[in-house]
Amino acid sequence: MVNSHPIALFLMVNSHPIALFLMVNSHPIALFLMVNSHPIALFLMVNSHPIALFLMVNSHPIALFLMVNSHPIALFLMVNSHPIALFLMVNSHPIALFLMVNSHPIALFSCQHLSHVILTKVSSEVRIADAERVKNFRRAVTTSVQEAKPLGDDITKEQWGTLKNPKQD
């Protein structure tokens, strides 16, 4: 494994049960490959291989170590808006939260880089939600005035008399 033997390369790239078991259980071989940016590990991470996705999304020690220590694999993924990084950031994953709260260089740089993606997603949801809230508020105000019901503790029909066409008793 450590010396890129063709058998090992084949097993890793094809998600063989042996390779999956080693990676998911933080076996020394797998840890060595990941921490040293071995071609196998780089290939798996950059291509969103199921092994890498599983490790990242589940805050596996390998992934946490790479992210917190600004490892080249993690930096490459974050800076290039890789789907793994986007998924973690947009879903407030513990890895992303830890990096953000501690002003880690990965988070600081990737925040600027990913902001357009995250803000686009969030702002579209907020716009829809805000439009609905405004509509509901206007409806509540109109109904309260027309039915002469207080809108709040101290708000009476007279205080809302400037609204057009209040229903007269």
C-alpha atoms as a PDB file:
ATOM      1  CA  MET A   1       0.000   0.000   0.000  1.00  0.00           C
ATOM      2  CA  VAL A   2       2.593   2.544   1.067  1.00  0.00           C
ATOM      3  CA  ASN A   3       4.648   2.050  -2.103  1.00  0.00           C
ATOM      4  CA  SER A   4       1.783   2.382  -4.597  1.00  0.00           C
ATOM      5  CA  HIS A   5       1.723  -1.250  -5.622  1.00  0.00           C
ATOM      6  CA  PRO A   6      -0.620  -1.819  -8.600  1.00  0.00           C
ATOM      7  CA  ILE A   7      -2.783  -4.174  -6.527  1.00  0.00           C
ATOM      8  CA  ALA A   8      -3.215  -1.543  -3.831  1.00  0.00           C
ATOM      9  CA  LEU A   9      -4.000   1.182  -6.372  1.00  0.00           C
ATOM     10  CA  PHE A  10      -6.636  -1.024  -7.965  1.00  0.00           C
ATOM     11  CA  LEU A  11      -8.221  -1.869  -4.613  1.00  0.00           C
ATOM     12  CA  MET A  12      -8.364   1.738  -3.413  1.00  0.00           C
ATOM     13  CA  VAL A  13      -9.688   3.289  -6.613  1.00  0.00           C
ATOM     14  CA  ASN A  14     -12.382   0.630  -6.927  1.00  0.00           C
ATOM     15  CA  SER A  15     -13.659   0.888  -3.332  1.00  0.00           C
ATOM     16  CA  HIS A  16     -12.695  -2.660  -2.510  1.00  0.00           C
ATOM     17  CA  PRO A  17     -13.958  -3.834   0.920  1.00  0.00           C
ATOM     18  CA  ILE A  18     -10.367  -4.172   2.177  1.00  0.00           C
ATOM     19  CA  ALA A  19      -9.577  -0.572   1.267  1.00  0.00           C
ATOM     20  CA  LEU A  20     -12.874   0.726   2.649  1.00  0.00           C
ATOM     21  CA  PHE A  21     -12.288  -1.082   5.945  1.00  0.00           C
ATOM     22  CA  LEU A  22      -8.766   0.348   6.295  1.00  0.00           C
ATOM     23  CA  MET A  23      -9.845   3.914   5.531  1.00  0.00           C
ATOM     24  CA  VAL A  24     -12.979   3.994   7.680  1.00  0.00           C
ATOM     25  CA  ASN A  25     -11.144   2.506  10.660  1.00  0.00           C
ATOM     26  CA  SER A  26      -8.172   4.904  10.540  1.00  0.00           C
ATOM     27  CA  HIS A  27      -5.703   2.125   9.865  1.00  0.00           C
ATOM     28  CA  PRO A  28      -2.058   3.276  10.061  1.00  0.00           C
ATOM     29  CA  ILE A  29      -1.577   2.570   6.355  1.00  0.00           C
ATOM     30  CA  ALA A  30      -4.522   4.780   5.436  1.00  0.00           C
ATOM     31  CA  LEU A  31      -3.482   7.534   7.864  1.00  0.00           C
ATOM     32  CA  PHE A  32       0.034   7.526   6.427  1.00  0.00           C
ATOM     33  CA  LEU A  33      -1.250   7.802   2.864  1.00  0.00           C
ATOM     34  CA  MET A  34      -3.682  10.624   3.647  1.00  0.00           C
ATOM     35  CA  VAL A  35      -1.373  12.738   5.813  1.00  0.00           C
ATOM     36  CA  ASN A  36       1.467  12.494   3.279  1.00  0.00           C
ATOM     37  CA  SER A  37      -0.626  13.498   0.251  1.00  0.00           C
ATOM     38  CA  HIS A  38      -0.064  10.163  -1.386  1.00  0.00           C
ATOM     39  CA  PRO A  39      -1.311   9.958  -4.997  1.00  0.00           C
ATOM     40  CA  ILE A  40      -3.956   7.429  -3.955  1.00  0.00           C
ATOM     41  CA  ALA A  41      -5.372   9.783  -1.345  1.00  0.00           C
ATOM     42  CA  LEU A  42      -5.183  12.833  -3.620  1.00  0.00           C
ATOM     43  CA  PHE A  43      -6.983  10.946  -6.380  1.00  0.00           C
ATOM     44  CA  LEU A  44      -9.746   9.790  -4.031  1.00  0.00           C
ATOM     45  CA  MET A  45     -10.322  13.217  -2.473  1.00  0.00           C
ATOM     46  CA  VAL A  46     -10.215  15.316  -5.632  1.00  0.00           C
ATOM     47  CA  ASN A  47     -12.591  12.978  -7.448  1.00  0.00           C
ATOM     48  CA  SER A  48     -15.221  12.859  -4.683  1.00  0.00           C
ATOM     49  CA  HIS A  49     -14.676   9.168  -4.224  1.00  0.00           C
ATOM     50  CA  PRO A  50     -17.189   7.465  -1.877  1.00  0.00           C
ATOM     51  CA  ILE A  51     -14.416   6.806   0.663  1.00  0.00           C
ATOM     52  CA  ALA A  52     -13.483  10.479   0.829  1.00  0.00           C
ATOM     53  CA  LEU A  53     -17.093  11.666   0.910  1.00  0.00           C
ATOM     54  CA  PHE A  54     -17.895   9.274   3.745  1.00  0.00           C
ATOM     55  CA  LEU A  55     -14.885  10.409   5.789  1.00  0.00           C
ATOM     56  CA  MET A  56     -15.546  14.131   5.291  1.00  0.00           C
ATOM     57  CA  VAL A  57     -19.293  14.105   5.895  1.00  0.00           C
ATOM     58  CA  ASN A  58     -18.909  12.029   9.063  1.00  0.00           C
ATOM     59  CA  SER A  59     -16.143  14.171  10.611  1.00  0.00           C
ATOM     60  CA  HIS A  60     -13.748  11.251  10.549  1.00  0.00           C
ATOM     61  CA  PRO A  61     -10.422  11.814  12.364  1.00  0.00           C
ATOM     62  CA  ILE A  62      -8.544  11.677   9.055  1.00  0.00           C
ATOM     63  CA  ALA A  63     -10.661  14.470   7.582  1.00  0.00           C
ATOM     64  CA  LEU A  64     -10.571  16.558  10.761  1.00  0.00           C
ATOM     65  CA  PHE A  65      -6.780  16.286  10.904  1.00  0.00           C
ATOM     66  CA  LEU A  66      -6.391  17.341   7.281  1.00  0.00           C
ATOM     67  CA  MET A  67      -8.791  20.280   7.550  1.00  0.00           C
ATOM     68  CA  VAL A  68      -7.553  21.682  10.866  1.00  0.00           C
ATOM     69  CA  ASN A  69      -3.913  21.484   9.755  1.00  0.00           C
ATOM     70  CA  SER A  70      -4.446  23.198   6.386  1.00  0.00           C
ATOM     71  CA  HIS A  71      -3.271  20.126   4.568  1.00  0.00           C
ATOM     72  CA  PRO A  72      -2.787  20.546   0.791  1.00  0.00           C
ATOM     73  CA  ILE A  73      -5.671  18.162   0.102  1.00  0.00           C
ATOM     74  CA  ALA A  74      -8.070  20.247   2.190  1.00  0.00           C
ATOM     75  CA  LEU A  75      -6.754  23.554   0.831  1.00  0.00           C
ATOM     76  CA  PHE A  76      -7.169  22.319  -2.741  1.00  0.00           C
ATOM     77  CA  LEU A  77     -10.750  21.210  -2.108  1.00  0.00           C
ATOM     78  CA  MET A  78     -11.771  24.421  -0.338  1.00  0.00           C
ATOM     79  CA  VAL A  79     -10.109  26.878  -2.708  1.00  0.00           C
ATOM     80  CA  ASN A  80     -11.633  25.187  -5.742  1.00  0.00           C
ATOM     81  CA  SER A  81     -15.182  25.095  -4.348  1.00  0.00           C
ATOM     82  CA  HIS A  82     -15.162  21.332  -4.515  1.00  0.00           C
ATOM     83  CA  PRO A  83     -18.547  19.657  -3.866  1.00  0.00           C
ATOM     84  CA  ILE A  84     -17.253  18.204  -0.577  1.00  0.00           C
ATOM     85  CA  ALA A  85     -16.292  21.651   0.710  1.00  0.00           C
ATOM     86  CA  LEU A  86     -19.492  23.271  -0.550  1.00  0.00           C
ATOM     87  CA  PHE A  87     -21.607  20.595   1.132  1.00  0.00           C
ATOM     88  CA  LEU A  88     -19.803  21.014   4.452  1.00  0.00           C
ATOM     89  CA  MET A  89     -19.989  24.824   4.432  1.00  0.00           C
ATOM     90  CA  VAL A  90     -23.602  25.152   3.291  1.00  0.00           C
ATOM     91  CA  ASN A  91     -24.813  22.597   5.829  1.00  0.00           C
ATOM     92  CA  SER A  92     -22.910  24.061   8.811  1.00  0.00           C
ATOM     93  CA  HIS A  93     -21.029  20.820   9.288  1.00  0.00           C
ATOM     94  CA  PRO A  94     -18.952  20.521  12.503  1.00  0.00           C
ATOM     95  CA  ILE A  95     -15.716  20.652  10.486  1.00  0.00           C
ATOM     96  CA  ALA A  96     -16.733  23.935   8.848  1.00  0.00           C
ATOM     97  CA  LEU A  97     -18.082  25.379  12.106  1.00  0.00           C
ATOM     98  CA  PHE A  98     -14.848  24.558  13.941  1.00  0.00           C
ATOM     99  CA  LEU A  99     -12.741  26.198  11.251  1.00  0.00           C
ATOM    100  CA  MET A 100     -14.982  29.277  11.089  1.00  0.00           C
ATOM    101  CA  VAL A 101     -15.162  29.823  14.858  1.00  0.00           C
ATOM    102  CA  ASN A 102     -11.382  29.642  15.119  1.00  0.00           C
ATOM    103  CA  SER A 103     -10.737  31.965  12.142  1.00  0.00           C
ATOM    104  CA  HIS A 104      -8.710  29.259  10.495  1.00  0.00           C
ATOM    105  CA  PRO A 105      -6.942  30.300   7.265  1.00  0.00           C
ATOM    106  CA  ILE A 106      -8.903  27.708   5.285  1.00  0.00           C
ATOM    107  CA  ALA A 107     -12.188  29.171   6.477  1.00  0.00           C
ATOM    108  CA  LEU A 108     -11.115  32.791   6.053  1.00  0.00           C
ATOM    109  CA  PHE A 109      -9.997  32.257   2.478  1.00  0.00           C
ATOM    110  CA  SER A 110     -12.762  29.893   1.447  1.00  0.00           C
ATOM    111  CA  CYS A 111     -15.440  32.124   2.965  1.00  0.00           C
ATOM    112  CA  GLN A 112     -14.637  34.817   0.445  1.00  0.00           C
ATOM    113  CA  HIS A 113     -14.363  32.244  -2.306  1.00  0.00           C
ATOM    114  CA  LEU A 114     -17.584  30.415  -1.464  1.00  0.00           C
ATOM    115  CA  SER A 115     -19.636  33.413  -0.362  1.00  0.00           C
ATOM    116  CA  HIS A 116     -21.334  33.877  -3.714  1.00  0.00           C
ATOM    117  CA  VAL A 117     -22.501  30.256  -3.699  1.00  0.00           C
ATOM    118  CA  ILE A 118     -23.721  30.298  -0.102  1.00  0.00           C
ATOM    119  CA  LEU A 119     -25.257  33.776  -0.303  1.00  0.00           C
ATOM    120  CA  THR A 120     -27.091  32.921  -3.514  1.00  0.00           C
ATOM    121  CA  LYS A 121     -28.608  29.845  -1.876  1.00  0.00           C
ATOM    122  CA  VAL A 122     -29.470  31.633   1.369  1.00  0.00           C
ATOM    123  CA  SER A 123     -30.717  34.873  -0.182  1.00  0.00           C
ATOM    124  CA  SER A 124     -33.126  33.075  -2.499  1.00  0.00           C
ATOM    125  CA  GLU A 125     -34.591  31.219   0.490  1.00  0.00           C
ATOM    126  CA  VAL A 126     -34.730  34.410   2.574  1.00  0.00           C
ATOM    127  CA  ARG A 127     -36.422  36.369  -0.210  1.00  0.00           C
ATOM    128  CA  ILE A 128     -39.156  33.747  -0.476  1.00  0.00           C
ATOM    129  CA  ALA A 129     -39.580  33.583   3.313  1.00  0.00           C
ATOM    130  CA  ASP A 130     -39.550  37.393   3.712  1.00  0.00           C
ATOM    131  CA  ALA A 131     -42.131  37.895   0.993  1.00  0.00           C
ATOM    132  CA  GLU A 132     -44.416  35.429   2.742  1.00  0.00           C
ATOM    133  CA  ARG A 133     -43.873  37.075   6.150  1.00  0.00           C
ATOM    134  CA  VAL A 134     -44.597  40.555   4.773  1.00  0.00           C
ATOM    135  CA  LYS A 135     -47.765  39.314   3.109  1.00  0.00           C
ATOM    136  CA  ASN A 136     -48.920  37.628   6.322  1.00  0.00           C
ATOM    137  CA  PHE A 137     -48.148  40.735   8.397  1.00  0.00           C
ATOM    138  CA  ARG A 138     -50.096  43.015   6.052  1.00  0.00           C
ATOM    139  CA  ARG A 139     -53.009  40.608   6.128  1.00  0.00           C
ATOM    140  CA  ALA A 140     -52.930  40.528   9.949  1.00  0.00           C
ATOM    141  CA  VAL A 141     -52.852  44.331  10.217  1.00  0.00           C
ATOM    142  CA  THR A 142     -55.731  44.781   7.792  1.00  0.00           C
ATOM    143  CA  THR A 143     -57.822  42.133   9.515  1.00  0.00           C
ATOM    144  CA  SER A 144     -57.114  43.578  12.972  1.00  0.00           C
ATOM    145  CA  VAL A 145     -58.134  47.079  11.913  1.00  0.00           C
ATOM    146  CA  GLN A 146     -61.223  45.993  10.031  1.00  0.00           C
ATOM    147  CA  GLU A 147     -62.447  43.878  12.921  1.00  0.00           C
ATOM    148  CA  ALA A 148     -61.463  46.528  15.505  1.00  0.00           C
ATOM    149  CA  LYS A 149     -59.216  44.057  17.301  1.00  0.00           C
ATOM    150  CA  PRO A 150     -56.035  45.245  19.015  1.00  0.00           C
ATOM    151  CA  LEU A 151     -52.940  44.239  17.073  1.00  0.00           C
ATOM    152  CA  GLY A 152     -50.838  44.403  20.220  1.00  0.00           C
ATOM    153  CA  ASP A 153     -51.212  45.261  23.900  1.00  0.00           C
ATOM    154  CA  ASP A 154     -51.604  49.024  23.384  1.00  0.00           C
ATOM    155  CA  ILE A 155     -52.638  49.254  19.743  1.00  0.00           C
ATOM    156  CA  THR A 156     -56.277  50.162  19.107  1.00  0.00           C
ATOM    157  CA  LYS A 157     -58.371  50.750  16.030  1.00  0.00           C
ATOM    158  CA  GLU A 158     -57.969  54.511  16.386  1.00  0.00           C
ATOM    159  CA  GLN A 159     -54.183  54.289  16.319  1.00  0.00           C
ATOM    160  CA  TRP A 160     -54.396  52.449  13.023  1.00  0.00           C
ATOM    161  CA  GLY A 161     -56.980  54.870  11.578  1.00  0.00           C
ATOM    162  CA  THR A 162     -54.580  56.109   8.944  1.00  0.00           C
ATOM    163  CA  LEU A 163     -54.913  52.851   7.059  1.00  0.00           C
ATOM    164  CA  LYS A 164     -57.197  53.153   4.054  1.00  0.00           C
ATOM    165  CA  ASN A 165     -60.804  52.043   4.230  1.00  0.00           C
ATOM    166  CA  PRO A 166     -61.106  50.679   7.753  1.00  0.00           C
ATOM    167  CA  LYS A 167     -64.440  48.969   8.307  1.00  0.00           C
ATOM    168  CA  GLN A 168     -66.807  51.227  10.258  1.00  0.00           C
ATOM    169  CA  ASP A 169     -68.867  49.910  13.188  1.00  0.00           C
END
